[in-house]
Amino acid sequence: MTVTWGPDRGVRRTTLALAAAGPALIAPGLIVGSWWLIGAGVWAVIVAIVIELVYRP
């Protein structure tokens, strides 16, 4: 059985939160037509992908 350490779990939680926040911001942004919501959602997804690619425990 593998042990999940605290920092790894925190990074995973952050990645999942950012990945979930992306579509949660993009969808209302598309409905309302608000570019800053769309942009914030896209950047949240980009940051989640970069964290996932760079941080490999």
C-alpha atoms as a PDB file:
ATOM      1  CA  MET A   1       0.000   0.000   0.000  1.00  0.00           C
ATOM      2  CA  THR A   2       1.336   3.437  -0.882  1.00  0.00           C
ATOM      3  CA  VAL A   3       1.277   6.338   1.513  1.00  0.00           C
ATOM      4  CA  THR A   4      -0.107   9.648   0.291  1.00  0.00           C
ATOM      5  CA  TRP A   5       1.900  12.444   1.867  1.00  0.00           C
ATOM      6  CA  GLY A   6       0.447  15.795   2.852  1.00  0.00           C
ATOM      7  CA  PRO A   7       2.105  18.022   0.229  1.00  0.00           C
ATOM      8  CA  ASP A   8       1.194  15.631  -2.591  1.00  0.00           C
ATOM      9  CA  ARG A   9      -2.407  15.584  -1.461  1.00  0.00           C
ATOM     10  CA  GLY A  10      -2.478  19.385  -1.258  1.00  0.00           C
ATOM     11  CA  VAL A  11      -1.135  19.788  -4.778  1.00  0.00           C
ATOM     12  CA  ARG A  12      -3.641  17.248  -6.054  1.00  0.00           C
ATOM     13  CA  ARG A  13      -6.479  19.091  -4.313  1.00  0.00           C
ATOM     14  CA  THR A  14      -5.328  22.395  -5.797  1.00  0.00           C
ATOM     15  CA  THR A  15      -5.133  20.910  -9.280  1.00  0.00           C
ATOM     16  CA  LEU A  16      -8.611  19.427  -9.016  1.00  0.00           C
ATOM     17  CA  ALA A  17     -10.037  22.668  -7.629  1.00  0.00           C
ATOM     18  CA  LEU A  18      -8.558  24.691 -10.489  1.00  0.00           C
ATOM     19  CA  ALA A  19      -9.727  22.137 -13.051  1.00  0.00           C
ATOM     20  CA  ALA A  20     -13.253  22.310 -11.620  1.00  0.00           C
ATOM     21  CA  ALA A  21     -13.224  26.103 -11.377  1.00  0.00           C
ATOM     22  CA  GLY A  22     -12.391  26.454 -15.067  1.00  0.00           C
ATOM     23  CA  PRO A  23     -15.653  25.144 -16.525  1.00  0.00           C
ATOM     24  CA  ALA A  24     -17.557  26.694 -13.608  1.00  0.00           C
ATOM     25  CA  LEU A  25     -16.305  30.102 -14.760  1.00  0.00           C
ATOM     26  CA  ILE A  26     -16.374  29.502 -18.507  1.00  0.00           C
ATOM     27  CA  ALA A  27     -20.012  28.358 -18.710  1.00  0.00           C
ATOM     28  CA  PRO A  28     -21.566  31.457 -17.097  1.00  0.00           C
ATOM     29  CA  GLY A  29     -19.104  33.606 -19.025  1.00  0.00           C
ATOM     30  CA  LEU A  30     -20.371  32.161 -22.296  1.00  0.00           C
ATOM     31  CA  ILE A  31     -24.003  32.591 -21.263  1.00  0.00           C
ATOM     32  CA  VAL A  32     -23.578  36.200 -20.133  1.00  0.00           C
ATOM     33  CA  GLY A  33     -20.956  37.080 -22.739  1.00  0.00           C
ATOM     34  CA  SER A  34     -18.444  38.207 -20.151  1.00  0.00           C
ATOM     35  CA  TRP A  35     -14.911  37.938 -21.494  1.00  0.00           C
ATOM     36  CA  TRP A  36     -13.211  38.284 -18.122  1.00  0.00           C
ATOM     37  CA  LEU A  37     -15.097  35.233 -16.769  1.00  0.00           C
ATOM     38  CA  ILE A  38     -14.142  33.222 -19.823  1.00  0.00           C
ATOM     39  CA  GLY A  39     -10.534  34.355 -19.507  1.00  0.00           C
ATOM     40  CA  ALA A  40     -10.373  33.528 -15.795  1.00  0.00           C
ATOM     41  CA  GLY A  41     -11.779  30.060 -16.471  1.00  0.00           C
ATOM     42  CA  VAL A  42      -9.329  29.393 -19.273  1.00  0.00           C
ATOM     43  CA  TRP A  43      -6.406  30.525 -17.111  1.00  0.00           C
ATOM     44  CA  ALA A  44      -7.583  28.293 -14.260  1.00  0.00           C
ATOM     45  CA  VAL A  45      -7.522  25.286 -16.594  1.00  0.00           C
ATOM     46  CA  ILE A  46      -4.114  26.278 -17.979  1.00  0.00           C
ATOM     47  CA  VAL A  47      -2.639  26.596 -14.483  1.00  0.00           C
ATOM     48  CA  ALA A  48      -4.111  23.223 -13.485  1.00  0.00           C
ATOM     49  CA  ILE A  49      -2.525  21.580 -16.525  1.00  0.00           C
ATOM     50  CA  VAL A  50       0.848  23.227 -15.902  1.00  0.00           C
ATOM     51  CA  ILE A  51       0.832  22.146 -12.249  1.00  0.00           C
ATOM     52  CA  GLU A  52      -0.052  18.602 -13.268  1.00  0.00           C
ATOM     53  CA  LEU A  53       2.732  18.511 -15.869  1.00  0.00           C
ATOM     54  CA  VAL A  54       5.438  20.094 -13.712  1.00  0.00           C
ATOM     55  CA  TYR A  55       4.699  18.603 -10.318  1.00  0.00           C
ATOM     56  CA  ARG A  56       5.147  14.846 -10.484  1.00  0.00           C
ATOM     57  CA  PRO A  57       5.567  13.225  -7.056  1.00  0.00           C
END
